[in-house]
Amino acid sequence: MAYLLKSEPEAYSIEDLLRDGETIWDGVTNPAAVRNLAGMQKGDDLVIYHTGEERQAVGTAKVVSVDASNPKTPLVKIKAGHKLPAPRTLADIKAHSLFVDSPLVRQGRLSVVPLTKPQFEWLIKA
């Protein structure tokens, strides 16, 4: 499985994740996003997406561990992957037929979005 994680770059950017190497992904409050976070499994692929002014997929990561013992605040540890050679903008994403029914474009405020394998692969390809 794969997911897209949204973050304000001023709060926590792909550069911060690359510097830290690993982090706990927290601060998620939307019930649907919390369910998506709790549904993650070790080894799942992740795309890091910068919100705000950037609005683009900028990097990759992997799920290291998931502690969903408290369903309201699951603790998901992620490990940095790499920056994308060519970020994918929200306009690019919305224009692609792979994302017509995606929560990424249908639920703009959802901060943890499940991705299909084709969506993940398209996002990380240059």
C-alpha atoms as a PDB file:
ATOM      1  CA  MET A   1       0.000   0.000   0.000  1.00  0.00           C
ATOM      2  CA  ALA A   2       1.041   3.598  -0.478  1.00  0.00           C
ATOM      3  CA  TYR A   3      -0.044   6.893   1.036  1.00  0.00           C
ATOM      4  CA  LEU A   4       0.508  10.590   0.515  1.00  0.00           C
ATOM      5  CA  LEU A   5       1.314  12.664   3.615  1.00  0.00           C
ATOM      6  CA  LYS A   6       0.647  16.392   3.488  1.00  0.00           C
ATOM      7  CA  SER A   7       2.715  18.864   5.465  1.00  0.00           C
ATOM      8  CA  GLU A   8       3.196  22.598   5.563  1.00  0.00           C
ATOM      9  CA  PRO A   9       6.847  22.985   4.537  1.00  0.00           C
ATOM     10  CA  GLU A  10       7.313  25.675   7.213  1.00  0.00           C
ATOM     11  CA  ALA A  11       6.200  23.166   9.876  1.00  0.00           C
ATOM     12  CA  TYR A  12       8.006  20.048   8.596  1.00  0.00           C
ATOM     13  CA  SER A  13       9.477  19.793   5.112  1.00  0.00           C
ATOM     14  CA  ILE A  14      11.094  17.043   3.075  1.00  0.00           C
ATOM     15  CA  GLU A  15      14.414  18.713   3.915  1.00  0.00           C
ATOM     16  CA  ASP A  16      13.621  18.324   7.629  1.00  0.00           C
ATOM     17  CA  LEU A  17      12.787  14.636   7.130  1.00  0.00           C
ATOM     18  CA  LEU A  18      15.979  14.048   5.136  1.00  0.00           C
ATOM     19  CA  ARG A  19      18.000  15.787   7.862  1.00  0.00           C
ATOM     20  CA  ASP A  20      16.309  13.844  10.692  1.00  0.00           C
ATOM     21  CA  GLY A  21      16.307  10.494   8.876  1.00  0.00           C
ATOM     22  CA  GLU A  22      13.223   9.302  10.803  1.00  0.00           C
ATOM     23  CA  THR A  23      10.292  10.920  12.552  1.00  0.00           C
ATOM     24  CA  ILE A  24       6.927  10.180  14.116  1.00  0.00           C
ATOM     25  CA  TRP A  25       4.129  11.459  11.865  1.00  0.00           C
ATOM     26  CA  ASP A  26       1.670  13.149  14.195  1.00  0.00           C
ATOM     27  CA  GLY A  27      -0.647  16.102  14.507  1.00  0.00           C
ATOM     28  CA  VAL A  28      -3.328  14.423  12.383  1.00  0.00           C
ATOM     29  CA  THR A  29      -6.843  15.193  13.627  1.00  0.00           C
ATOM     30  CA  ASN A  30      -9.250  14.605  10.728  1.00  0.00           C
ATOM     31  CA  PRO A  31     -11.040  11.295  11.479  1.00  0.00           C
ATOM     32  CA  ALA A  32     -10.619   9.948   7.917  1.00  0.00           C
ATOM     33  CA  ALA A  33      -6.927  10.878   7.909  1.00  0.00           C
ATOM     34  CA  VAL A  34      -6.454   9.253  11.343  1.00  0.00           C
ATOM     35  CA  ARG A  35      -8.048   6.039  10.011  1.00  0.00           C
ATOM     36  CA  ASN A  36      -5.685   6.106   7.031  1.00  0.00           C
ATOM     37  CA  LEU A  37      -2.726   6.632   9.348  1.00  0.00           C
ATOM     38  CA  ALA A  38      -3.827   3.775  11.618  1.00  0.00           C
ATOM     39  CA  GLY A  39      -4.225   1.510   8.583  1.00  0.00           C
ATOM     40  CA  MET A  40      -0.601   1.849   7.565  1.00  0.00           C
ATOM     41  CA  GLN A  41       1.770  -1.092   7.823  1.00  0.00           C
ATOM     42  CA  LYS A  42       5.522  -1.423   8.116  1.00  0.00           C
ATOM     43  CA  GLY A  43       7.084  -1.102   4.661  1.00  0.00           C
ATOM     44  CA  ASP A  44       4.281   0.952   3.097  1.00  0.00           C
ATOM     45  CA  ASP A  45       5.491   3.522   0.564  1.00  0.00           C
ATOM     46  CA  LEU A  46       4.884   7.207   1.212  1.00  0.00           C
ATOM     47  CA  VAL A  47       4.887  10.387  -0.835  1.00  0.00           C
ATOM     48  CA  ILE A  48       5.587  13.621   1.016  1.00  0.00           C
ATOM     49  CA  TYR A  49       3.490  16.526  -0.256  1.00  0.00           C
ATOM     50  CA  HIS A  50       4.064  20.191   0.603  1.00  0.00           C
ATOM     51  CA  THR A  51       0.868  22.184   1.093  1.00  0.00           C
ATOM     52  CA  GLY A  52       0.512  25.967   1.291  1.00  0.00           C
ATOM     53  CA  GLU A  53       2.147  27.964  -1.472  1.00  0.00           C
ATOM     54  CA  GLU A  54       3.950  24.941  -2.970  1.00  0.00           C
ATOM     55  CA  ARG A  55       1.142  22.381  -3.405  1.00  0.00           C
ATOM     56  CA  GLN A  56       3.340  19.635  -4.807  1.00  0.00           C
ATOM     57  CA  ALA A  57       4.623  16.140  -4.157  1.00  0.00           C
ATOM     58  CA  VAL A  58       8.283  16.581  -3.221  1.00  0.00           C
ATOM     59  CA  GLY A  59       9.728  13.347  -1.811  1.00  0.00           C
ATOM     60  CA  THR A  60       9.387   9.775  -0.627  1.00  0.00           C
ATOM     61  CA  ALA A  61       9.518   7.910   2.654  1.00  0.00           C
ATOM     62  CA  LYS A  62       8.682   4.479   4.094  1.00  0.00           C
ATOM     63  CA  VAL A  63       6.707   3.365   7.122  1.00  0.00           C
ATOM     64  CA  VAL A  64       9.064   1.930   9.760  1.00  0.00           C
ATOM     65  CA  SER A  65       6.491   1.047  12.421  1.00  0.00           C
ATOM     66  CA  VAL A  66       2.872   1.604  13.397  1.00  0.00           C
ATOM     67  CA  ASP A  67       1.443   1.662  16.907  1.00  0.00           C
ATOM     68  CA  ALA A  68      -2.331   1.938  16.526  1.00  0.00           C
ATOM     69  CA  SER A  69      -3.112   0.857  20.093  1.00  0.00           C
ATOM     70  CA  ASN A  70      -4.745   4.261  20.609  1.00  0.00           C
ATOM     71  CA  PRO A  71      -6.974   4.626  17.543  1.00  0.00           C
ATOM     72  CA  LYS A  72      -7.356   8.375  18.100  1.00  0.00           C
ATOM     73  CA  THR A  73      -3.612   9.037  17.952  1.00  0.00           C
ATOM     74  CA  PRO A  74      -1.790   6.298  16.051  1.00  0.00           C
ATOM     75  CA  LEU A  75       1.998   6.610  16.168  1.00  0.00           C
ATOM     76  CA  VAL A  76       3.551   6.049  12.766  1.00  0.00           C
ATOM     77  CA  LYS A  77       7.330   6.191  12.471  1.00  0.00           C
ATOM     78  CA  ILE A  78       8.552   7.002   8.983  1.00  0.00           C
ATOM     79  CA  LYS A  79      11.999   6.873   7.391  1.00  0.00           C
ATOM     80  CA  ALA A  80      13.207   9.364   4.802  1.00  0.00           C
ATOM     81  CA  GLY A  81      13.531   8.262   1.208  1.00  0.00           C
ATOM     82  CA  HIS A  82      14.624  10.887  -1.290  1.00  0.00           C
ATOM     83  CA  LYS A  83      13.558  14.139  -2.904  1.00  0.00           C
ATOM     84  CA  LEU A  84      11.715  13.733  -6.164  1.00  0.00           C
ATOM     85  CA  PRO A  85      13.788  14.748  -9.202  1.00  0.00           C
ATOM     86  CA  ALA A  86      10.762  16.624 -10.549  1.00  0.00           C
ATOM     87  CA  PRO A  87       8.037  17.558  -8.042  1.00  0.00           C
ATOM     88  CA  ARG A  88       4.464  16.894  -9.164  1.00  0.00           C
ATOM     89  CA  THR A  89       2.270  19.949  -8.726  1.00  0.00           C
ATOM     90  CA  LEU A  90      -1.358  19.819  -7.681  1.00  0.00           C
ATOM     91  CA  ALA A  91      -2.273  21.102 -11.164  1.00  0.00           C
ATOM     92  CA  ASP A  92      -0.379  18.154 -12.741  1.00  0.00           C
ATOM     93  CA  ILE A  93      -2.122  15.745 -10.369  1.00  0.00           C
ATOM     94  CA  LYS A  94      -5.602  17.152 -11.041  1.00  0.00           C
ATOM     95  CA  ALA A  95      -4.992  16.974 -14.792  1.00  0.00           C
ATOM     96  CA  HIS A  96      -4.092  13.260 -14.729  1.00  0.00           C
ATOM     97  CA  SER A  97      -6.860  10.681 -15.182  1.00  0.00           C
ATOM     98  CA  LEU A  98      -5.349   8.456 -12.463  1.00  0.00           C
ATOM     99  CA  PHE A  99      -6.549  10.923  -9.838  1.00  0.00           C
ATOM    100  CA  VAL A 100     -10.127  11.597 -11.021  1.00  0.00           C
ATOM    101  CA  ASP A 101     -11.656   9.737  -8.064  1.00  0.00           C
ATOM    102  CA  SER A 102      -8.764  10.213  -5.630  1.00  0.00           C
ATOM    103  CA  PRO A 103      -9.411  11.727  -2.203  1.00  0.00           C
ATOM    104  CA  LEU A 104      -6.354  13.853  -2.959  1.00  0.00           C
ATOM    105  CA  VAL A 105      -8.415  15.973  -5.354  1.00  0.00           C
ATOM    106  CA  ARG A 106     -11.906  15.249  -4.005  1.00  0.00           C
ATOM    107  CA  GLN A 107     -11.103  15.927  -0.312  1.00  0.00           C
ATOM    108  CA  GLY A 108      -8.536  18.703  -0.457  1.00  0.00           C
ATOM    109  CA  ARG A 109      -8.139  19.013   3.313  1.00  0.00           C
ATOM    110  CA  LEU A 110      -7.404  15.316   3.882  1.00  0.00           C
ATOM    111  CA  SER A 111      -3.808  15.150   5.182  1.00  0.00           C
ATOM    112  CA  VAL A 112      -3.240  11.380   4.842  1.00  0.00           C
ATOM    113  CA  VAL A 113      -4.385  10.057   1.485  1.00  0.00           C
ATOM    114  CA  PRO A 114      -4.289   6.440   0.274  1.00  0.00           C
ATOM    115  CA  LEU A 115      -2.694   5.941  -3.141  1.00  0.00           C
ATOM    116  CA  THR A 116      -3.010   3.153  -5.646  1.00  0.00           C
ATOM    117  CA  LYS A 117       0.185   1.600  -6.949  1.00  0.00           C
ATOM    118  CA  PRO A 118      -0.186   3.366 -10.343  1.00  0.00           C
ATOM    119  CA  GLN A 119      -0.777   6.710  -8.579  1.00  0.00           C
ATOM    120  CA  PHE A 120       2.308   6.216  -6.392  1.00  0.00           C
ATOM    121  CA  GLU A 121       4.471   5.231  -9.342  1.00  0.00           C
ATOM    122  CA  TRP A 122       3.300   8.204 -11.410  1.00  0.00           C
ATOM    123  CA  LEU A 123       3.978  10.638  -8.571  1.00  0.00           C
ATOM    124  CA  ILE A 124       7.567   9.490  -8.026  1.00  0.00           C
ATOM    125  CA  LYS A 125       8.586   9.247 -11.713  1.00  0.00           C
ATOM    126  CA  ALA A 126      10.330  12.218 -13.269  1.00  0.00           C
END
